């Protein structure tokens, strides 16, 4: 009888160990300062959640970049196209508008949202092979967490007070250039105010979803789906 009880106990022990292994198989370290519950969440689930969140904001970022970039570019081309049809004395106003538009496109080319590049890179890494290797899952997850944190910071930075200040300073310069340099105060004010309004609209419509995503992730709230 003792032997049968011992065998049952050993069997129960093996089952317990097996279940512990299953429970911990997908466990990966969590970022510093994150809710302790995050580490108990399967690494694959965490990785897929980050992939979805980055892909969603990257899509928004591409629409934002191309929409504003093409719109501003078209406005610049329109300003140049009007030059032959205005008096020689007024052409500087239209040239100033075209140059301002060209400068307005530069940030979209030189400093795009980092998530636009990060999201496809992460998605391609996940598609290379099945996520059946726990060590690989944890390595990919660590990279994905760094991307999410960096993209959140990038989106926060691009809405900082210095961006607003730069927008106001640049467009004030356009106004003063036309006003003080050519005594075209009316067109200078129109160009300056319009440019500042468009600049602020660009800043306020910039996608920022990964800021909230990173906060939700660190709170282990993987039910969070963001706002539209």
C-alpha atoms as a PDB file:
ATOM      1  CA  UNK A   1       0.000   0.000   0.000  1.00  0.00           C
ATOM      2  CA  UNK A   2       2.874   2.312   0.839  1.00  0.00           C
ATOM      3  CA  UNK A   3       4.389   1.661  -2.564  1.00  0.00           C
ATOM      4  CA  UNK A   4       1.157   2.594  -4.319  1.00  0.00           C
ATOM      5  CA  UNK A   5       0.888   5.825  -2.297  1.00  0.00           C
ATOM      6  CA  UNK A   6       4.501   6.606  -3.057  1.00  0.00           C
ATOM      7  CA  UNK A   7       3.957   6.039  -6.757  1.00  0.00           C
ATOM      8  CA  UNK A   8       0.889   8.273  -6.702  1.00  0.00           C
ATOM      9  CA  UNK A   9       2.852  10.962  -4.896  1.00  0.00           C
ATOM     10  CA  UNK A  10       5.674  10.748  -7.425  1.00  0.00           C
ATOM     11  CA  UNK A  11       3.197  10.934 -10.287  1.00  0.00           C
ATOM     12  CA  UNK A  12       1.546  13.972  -8.737  1.00  0.00           C
ATOM     13  CA  UNK A  13       4.956  15.574  -8.326  1.00  0.00           C
ATOM     14  CA  UNK A  14       5.782  15.022 -11.987  1.00  0.00           C
ATOM     15  CA  UNK A  15       2.439  16.526 -13.029  1.00  0.00           C
ATOM     16  CA  UNK A  16       3.071  19.570 -10.847  1.00  0.00           C
ATOM     17  CA  UNK A  17       6.555  20.022 -12.309  1.00  0.00           C
ATOM     18  CA  UNK A  18       5.197  19.620 -15.821  1.00  0.00           C
ATOM     19  CA  UNK A  19       2.508  22.226 -15.253  1.00  0.00           C
ATOM     20  CA  UNK A  20       5.079  24.606 -13.756  1.00  0.00           C
ATOM     21  CA  UNK A  21       7.203  24.176 -16.851  1.00  0.00           C
ATOM     22  CA  UNK A  22       4.239  24.946 -19.097  1.00  0.00           C
ATOM     23  CA  UNK A  23       3.275  27.966 -17.045  1.00  0.00           C
ATOM     24  CA  UNK A  24       6.814  29.361 -17.167  1.00  0.00           C
ATOM     25  CA  UNK A  25       7.699  28.293 -20.688  1.00  0.00           C
ATOM     26  CA  UNK A  26       6.572  31.565 -22.229  1.00  0.00           C
ATOM     27  CA  UNK A  27       7.687  33.815 -19.348  1.00  0.00           C
ATOM     28  CA  UNK A  28      10.138  36.597 -20.238  1.00  0.00           C
ATOM     29  CA  UNK A  29      11.657  39.381 -18.110  1.00  0.00           C
ATOM     30  CA  UNK A  30       9.686  42.617 -17.948  1.00  0.00           C
ATOM     31  CA  UNK A  31      11.030  46.181 -18.302  1.00  0.00           C
ATOM     32  CA  UNK A  32      12.267  48.015 -15.216  1.00  0.00           C
ATOM     33  CA  UNK A  33       9.429  49.609 -13.303  1.00  0.00           C
ATOM     34  CA  UNK A  34       6.727  47.537 -14.988  1.00  0.00           C
ATOM     35  CA  UNK A  35       3.856  45.945 -13.087  1.00  0.00           C
ATOM     36  CA  UNK A  36       4.867  42.560 -11.695  1.00  0.00           C
ATOM     37  CA  UNK A  37       1.916  40.946 -13.456  1.00  0.00           C
ATOM     38  CA  UNK A  38       3.547  41.631 -16.822  1.00  0.00           C
ATOM     39  CA  UNK A  39       6.232  39.006 -16.242  1.00  0.00           C
ATOM     40  CA  UNK A  40       3.575  36.342 -15.680  1.00  0.00           C
ATOM     41  CA  UNK A  41       2.009  37.106 -19.077  1.00  0.00           C
ATOM     42  CA  UNK A  42       3.081  34.830 -21.908  1.00  0.00           C
ATOM     43  CA  UNK A  43       5.936  36.342 -23.899  1.00  0.00           C
ATOM     44  CA  UNK A  44       4.288  35.524 -27.209  1.00  0.00           C
ATOM     45  CA  UNK A  45       1.119  37.360 -26.211  1.00  0.00           C
ATOM     46  CA  UNK A  46       3.170  40.388 -25.175  1.00  0.00           C
ATOM     47  CA  UNK A  47       5.146  40.290 -28.416  1.00  0.00           C
ATOM     48  CA  UNK A  48       2.039  40.048 -30.585  1.00  0.00           C
ATOM     49  CA  UNK A  49       0.408  42.921 -28.687  1.00  0.00           C
ATOM     50  CA  UNK A  50       3.409  45.194 -29.269  1.00  0.00           C
ATOM     51  CA  UNK A  51       3.518  44.175 -32.931  1.00  0.00           C
ATOM     52  CA  UNK A  52      -0.145  45.133 -33.336  1.00  0.00           C
ATOM     53  CA  UNK A  53       0.249  48.452 -31.536  1.00  0.00           C
ATOM     54  CA  UNK A  54       3.337  49.488 -33.504  1.00  0.00           C
ATOM     55  CA  UNK A  55       1.751  48.446 -36.815  1.00  0.00           C
ATOM     56  CA  UNK A  56      -1.403  50.443 -36.079  1.00  0.00           C
ATOM     57  CA  UNK A  57       0.429  53.673 -35.228  1.00  0.00           C
ATOM     58  CA  UNK A  58       2.868  53.175 -38.111  1.00  0.00           C
ATOM     59  CA  UNK A  59      -0.097  53.076 -40.496  1.00  0.00           C
ATOM     60  CA  UNK A  60      -1.411  56.301 -39.012  1.00  0.00           C
ATOM     61  CA  UNK A  61       2.061  57.795 -39.279  1.00  0.00           C
ATOM     62  CA  UNK A  62       2.341  56.997 -42.973  1.00  0.00           C
ATOM     63  CA  UNK A  63      -1.046  58.633 -43.678  1.00  0.00           C
ATOM     64  CA  UNK A  64      -0.027  61.680 -41.621  1.00  0.00           C
ATOM     65  CA  UNK A  65       3.369  61.980 -43.309  1.00  0.00           C
ATOM     66  CA  UNK A  66       2.179  61.553 -46.878  1.00  0.00           C
ATOM     67  CA  UNK A  67      -0.971  63.595 -46.372  1.00  0.00           C
ATOM     68  CA  UNK A  68       0.754  66.652 -44.981  1.00  0.00           C
ATOM     69  CA  UNK A  69       3.874  66.225 -47.110  1.00  0.00           C
ATOM     70  CA  UNK A  70       1.950  66.083 -50.378  1.00  0.00           C
ATOM     71  CA  UNK A  71      -0.408  68.867 -49.295  1.00  0.00           C
ATOM     72  CA  UNK A  72       2.410  71.240 -48.373  1.00  0.00           C
ATOM     73  CA  UNK A  73       4.352  70.288 -51.484  1.00  0.00           C
ATOM     74  CA  UNK A  74       1.323  70.994 -53.674  1.00  0.00           C
ATOM     75  CA  UNK A  75       0.899  74.398 -52.003  1.00  0.00           C
ATOM     76  CA  UNK A  76       4.516  75.225 -52.800  1.00  0.00           C
ATOM     77  CA  UNK A  77       4.137  74.192 -56.429  1.00  0.00           C
ATOM     78  CA  UNK A  78       0.952  76.257 -56.623  1.00  0.00           C
ATOM     79  CA  UNK A  79       2.814  79.319 -55.341  1.00  0.00           C
ATOM     80  CA  UNK A  80       5.482  78.934 -58.009  1.00  0.00           C
ATOM     81  CA  UNK A  81       2.888  78.341 -60.715  1.00  0.00           C
ATOM     82  CA  UNK A  82       1.252  81.681 -59.861  1.00  0.00           C
ATOM     83  CA  UNK A  83       4.462  83.706 -60.199  1.00  0.00           C
ATOM     84  CA  UNK A  84       4.184  84.423 -63.963  1.00  0.00           C
ATOM     85  CA  UNK A  85       0.679  85.799 -63.471  1.00  0.00           C
ATOM     86  CA  UNK A  86       1.418  88.401 -60.790  1.00  0.00           C
ATOM     87  CA  UNK A  87       3.215  91.723 -61.003  1.00  0.00           C
ATOM     88  CA  UNK A  88       6.974  91.744 -60.607  1.00  0.00           C
ATOM     89  CA  UNK A  89       6.735  93.622 -57.321  1.00  0.00           C
ATOM     90  CA  UNK A  90       4.473  90.980 -55.773  1.00  0.00           C
ATOM     91  CA  UNK A  91       6.417  87.927 -56.888  1.00  0.00           C
ATOM     92  CA  UNK A  92       8.542  87.889 -53.751  1.00  0.00           C
ATOM     93  CA  UNK A  93       5.398  87.048 -51.752  1.00  0.00           C
ATOM     94  CA  UNK A  94       4.784  83.962 -53.851  1.00  0.00           C
ATOM     95  CA  UNK A  95       8.430  82.961 -53.833  1.00  0.00           C
ATOM     96  CA  UNK A  96       8.413  83.246 -50.028  1.00  0.00           C
ATOM     97  CA  UNK A  97       5.364  80.981 -49.899  1.00  0.00           C
ATOM     98  CA  UNK A  98       7.044  78.386 -52.122  1.00  0.00           C
ATOM     99  CA  UNK A  99      10.272  78.419 -50.097  1.00  0.00           C
ATOM    100  CA  UNK A 100       8.307  78.135 -46.834  1.00  0.00           C
ATOM    101  CA  UNK A 101       6.456  75.116 -48.238  1.00  0.00           C
ATOM    102  CA  UNK A 102       9.716  73.478 -49.306  1.00  0.00           C
ATOM    103  CA  UNK A 103      11.173  73.980 -45.830  1.00  0.00           C
ATOM    104  CA  UNK A 104       7.952  72.613 -44.341  1.00  0.00           C
ATOM    105  CA  UNK A 105       8.411  69.329 -46.210  1.00  0.00           C
ATOM    106  CA  UNK A 106      11.990  68.828 -44.956  1.00  0.00           C
ATOM    107  CA  UNK A 107      11.083  67.529 -41.444  1.00  0.00           C
ATOM    108  CA  UNK A 108       8.960  64.761 -42.975  1.00  0.00           C
ATOM    109  CA  UNK A 109      11.999  63.645 -44.974  1.00  0.00           C
ATOM    110  CA  UNK A 110      14.762  64.102 -42.382  1.00  0.00           C
ATOM    111  CA  UNK A 111      12.929  63.327 -39.151  1.00  0.00           C
ATOM    112  CA  UNK A 112      10.024  60.935 -39.791  1.00  0.00           C
ATOM    113  CA  UNK A 113       8.275  59.194 -36.919  1.00  0.00           C
ATOM    114  CA  UNK A 114      10.531  56.317 -35.859  1.00  0.00           C
ATOM    115  CA  UNK A 115       7.592  53.898 -35.592  1.00  0.00           C
ATOM    116  CA  UNK A 116       7.143  54.051 -39.376  1.00  0.00           C
ATOM    117  CA  UNK A 117      10.459  52.193 -39.717  1.00  0.00           C
ATOM    118  CA  UNK A 118      10.356  50.153 -36.508  1.00  0.00           C
ATOM    119  CA  UNK A 119       6.980  48.495 -37.063  1.00  0.00           C
ATOM    120  CA  UNK A 120       7.825  46.804 -40.400  1.00  0.00           C
ATOM    121  CA  UNK A 121      11.195  45.698 -39.032  1.00  0.00           C
ATOM    122  CA  UNK A 122       9.614  44.010 -36.011  1.00  0.00           C
ATOM    123  CA  UNK A 123       6.848  42.446 -38.090  1.00  0.00           C
ATOM    124  CA  UNK A 124       9.392  41.024 -40.536  1.00  0.00           C
ATOM    125  CA  UNK A 125      11.381  39.520 -37.654  1.00  0.00           C
ATOM    126  CA  UNK A 126       8.289  37.771 -36.328  1.00  0.00           C
ATOM    127  CA  UNK A 127       7.453  36.390 -39.772  1.00  0.00           C
ATOM    128  CA  UNK A 128      10.856  34.779 -40.307  1.00  0.00           C
ATOM    129  CA  UNK A 129       9.988  31.589 -38.437  1.00  0.00           C
ATOM    130  CA  UNK A 130       7.403  30.260 -35.955  1.00  0.00           C
ATOM    131  CA  UNK A 131       7.655  31.529 -32.389  1.00  0.00           C
ATOM    132  CA  UNK A 132       8.316  28.093 -30.868  1.00  0.00           C
ATOM    133  CA  UNK A 133      11.673  28.870 -29.294  1.00  0.00           C
ATOM    134  CA  UNK A 134      11.281  30.525 -25.898  1.00  0.00           C
ATOM    135  CA  UNK A 135      14.767  32.020 -25.937  1.00  0.00           C
ATOM    136  CA  UNK A 136      14.134  33.619 -29.341  1.00  0.00           C
ATOM    137  CA  UNK A 137      10.744  34.905 -28.161  1.00  0.00           C
ATOM    138  CA  UNK A 138      12.371  36.644 -25.203  1.00  0.00           C
ATOM    139  CA  UNK A 139      15.092  38.179 -27.384  1.00  0.00           C
ATOM    140  CA  UNK A 140      12.510  39.490 -29.843  1.00  0.00           C
ATOM    141  CA  UNK A 141      10.353  40.734 -26.985  1.00  0.00           C
ATOM    142  CA  UNK A 142      13.250  42.686 -25.475  1.00  0.00           C
ATOM    143  CA  UNK A 143      13.848  44.355 -28.858  1.00  0.00           C
ATOM    144  CA  UNK A 144      10.130  45.035 -29.283  1.00  0.00           C
ATOM    145  CA  UNK A 145       9.920  46.636 -25.836  1.00  0.00           C
ATOM    146  CA  UNK A 146      12.870  48.889 -26.663  1.00  0.00           C
ATOM    147  CA  UNK A 147      11.170  49.892 -29.913  1.00  0.00           C
ATOM    148  CA  UNK A 148       7.873  50.672 -28.183  1.00  0.00           C
ATOM    149  CA  UNK A 149       9.605  52.735 -25.492  1.00  0.00           C
ATOM    150  CA  UNK A 150      11.740  54.607 -28.059  1.00  0.00           C
ATOM    151  CA  UNK A 151       8.795  55.245 -30.379  1.00  0.00           C
ATOM    152  CA  UNK A 152       6.720  56.583 -27.480  1.00  0.00           C
ATOM    153  CA  UNK A 153       9.559  58.948 -26.550  1.00  0.00           C
ATOM    154  CA  UNK A 154       9.997  60.002 -30.190  1.00  0.00           C
ATOM    155  CA  UNK A 155       6.295  60.877 -30.471  1.00  0.00           C
ATOM    156  CA  UNK A 156       6.433  62.798 -27.191  1.00  0.00           C
ATOM    157  CA  UNK A 157       9.559  64.670 -28.307  1.00  0.00           C
ATOM    158  CA  UNK A 158       7.999  65.726 -31.602  1.00  0.00           C
ATOM    159  CA  UNK A 159       5.208  67.437 -29.710  1.00  0.00           C
ATOM    160  CA  UNK A 160       7.472  69.219 -27.235  1.00  0.00           C
ATOM    161  CA  UNK A 161       7.303  72.950 -26.570  1.00  0.00           C
ATOM    162  CA  UNK A 162      10.434  73.465 -28.679  1.00  0.00           C
ATOM    163  CA  UNK A 163       8.605  72.225 -31.775  1.00  0.00           C
ATOM    164  CA  UNK A 164       5.807  74.744 -31.197  1.00  0.00           C
ATOM    165  CA  UNK A 165       8.378  77.475 -30.533  1.00  0.00           C
ATOM    166  CA  UNK A 166      10.269  76.615 -33.719  1.00  0.00           C
ATOM    167  CA  UNK A 167       7.067  76.782 -35.740  1.00  0.00           C
ATOM    168  CA  UNK A 168       6.147  80.220 -34.362  1.00  0.00           C
ATOM    169  CA  UNK A 169       9.713  81.533 -34.748  1.00  0.00           C
ATOM    170  CA  UNK A 170      10.014  80.375 -38.356  1.00  0.00           C
ATOM    171  CA  UNK A 171       6.722  81.857 -39.462  1.00  0.00           C
ATOM    172  CA  UNK A 172       7.396  85.084 -37.591  1.00  0.00           C
ATOM    173  CA  UNK A 173      10.626  85.250 -39.564  1.00  0.00           C
ATOM    174  CA  UNK A 174       8.706  84.882 -42.831  1.00  0.00           C
ATOM    175  CA  UNK A 175       6.405  87.717 -41.788  1.00  0.00           C
ATOM    176  CA  UNK A 176       9.313  90.003 -40.840  1.00  0.00           C
ATOM    177  CA  UNK A 177      11.210  89.115 -44.008  1.00  0.00           C
ATOM    178  CA  UNK A 178       8.349  90.320 -46.197  1.00  0.00           C
ATOM    179  CA  UNK A 179       7.348  93.194 -43.908  1.00  0.00           C
ATOM    180  CA  UNK A 180      10.709  94.715 -43.051  1.00  0.00           C
ATOM    181  CA  UNK A 181      12.523  93.662 -46.195  1.00  0.00           C
ATOM    182  CA  UNK A 182       9.906  94.564 -48.803  1.00  0.00           C
ATOM    183  CA  UNK A 183       7.240  96.516 -46.878  1.00  0.00           C
ATOM    184  CA  UNK A 184       4.706  93.839 -47.793  1.00  0.00           C
ATOM    185  CA  UNK A 185       3.146  93.684 -44.375  1.00  0.00           C
ATOM    186  CA  UNK A 186      -0.234  92.420 -45.512  1.00  0.00           C
ATOM    187  CA  UNK A 187       1.169  89.447 -47.407  1.00  0.00           C
ATOM    188  CA  UNK A 188       3.766  88.975 -44.679  1.00  0.00           C
ATOM    189  CA  UNK A 189       1.081  88.674 -42.008  1.00  0.00           C
ATOM    190  CA  UNK A 190      -1.005  86.368 -44.207  1.00  0.00           C
ATOM    191  CA  UNK A 191       1.979  84.109 -44.892  1.00  0.00           C
ATOM    192  CA  UNK A 192       3.132  84.138 -41.283  1.00  0.00           C
ATOM    193  CA  UNK A 193      -0.249  83.461 -39.698  1.00  0.00           C
ATOM    194  CA  UNK A 194      -1.253  80.845 -42.256  1.00  0.00           C
ATOM    195  CA  UNK A 195       2.080  79.080 -41.908  1.00  0.00           C
ATOM    196  CA  UNK A 196       1.838  79.067 -38.106  1.00  0.00           C
ATOM    197  CA  UNK A 197      -1.707  77.688 -38.175  1.00  0.00           C
ATOM    198  CA  UNK A 198      -0.731  74.918 -40.584  1.00  0.00           C
ATOM    199  CA  UNK A 199       2.349  74.139 -38.491  1.00  0.00           C
ATOM    200  CA  UNK A 200       0.284  73.792 -35.323  1.00  0.00           C
ATOM    201  CA  UNK A 201      -2.238  71.610 -37.160  1.00  0.00           C
ATOM    202  CA  UNK A 202       0.597  69.325 -38.238  1.00  0.00           C
ATOM    203  CA  UNK A 203       1.869  69.059 -34.671  1.00  0.00           C
ATOM    204  CA  UNK A 204      -1.553  68.406 -33.135  1.00  0.00           C
ATOM    205  CA  UNK A 205      -2.538  65.780 -35.700  1.00  0.00           C
ATOM    206  CA  UNK A 206       0.693  63.812 -35.342  1.00  0.00           C
ATOM    207  CA  UNK A 207      -0.015  60.233 -34.184  1.00  0.00           C
ATOM    208  CA  UNK A 208       0.900  59.716 -30.532  1.00  0.00           C
ATOM    209  CA  UNK A 209      -0.717  56.354 -29.810  1.00  0.00           C
ATOM    210  CA  UNK A 210       2.466  54.639 -28.677  1.00  0.00           C
ATOM    211  CA  UNK A 211       2.773  57.003 -25.710  1.00  0.00           C
ATOM    212  CA  UNK A 212      -0.385  55.550 -24.183  1.00  0.00           C
ATOM    213  CA  UNK A 213       0.529  52.071 -25.450  1.00  0.00           C
ATOM    214  CA  UNK A 214       3.815  52.114 -23.535  1.00  0.00           C
ATOM    215  CA  UNK A 215       2.044  53.224 -20.369  1.00  0.00           C
ATOM    216  CA  UNK A 216      -0.603  50.507 -20.743  1.00  0.00           C
ATOM    217  CA  UNK A 217       2.047  47.875 -21.430  1.00  0.00           C
ATOM    218  CA  UNK A 218       4.035  48.773 -18.312  1.00  0.00           C
ATOM    219  CA  UNK A 219       0.801  48.480 -16.298  1.00  0.00           C
ATOM    220  CA  UNK A 220       0.311  44.985 -17.791  1.00  0.00           C
ATOM    221  CA  UNK A 221      -2.913  46.167 -19.411  1.00  0.00           C
ATOM    222  CA  UNK A 222      -2.794  44.178 -22.631  1.00  0.00           C
ATOM    223  CA  UNK A 223      -6.545  44.592 -23.022  1.00  0.00           C
ATOM    224  CA  UNK A 224      -5.864  48.234 -23.947  1.00  0.00           C
ATOM    225  CA  UNK A 225      -6.643  48.862 -27.626  1.00  0.00           C
ATOM    226  CA  UNK A 226      -5.968  52.582 -27.839  1.00  0.00           C
ATOM    227  CA  UNK A 227      -8.145  55.388 -29.113  1.00  0.00           C
ATOM    228  CA  UNK A 228      -9.070  56.155 -32.682  1.00  0.00           C
END
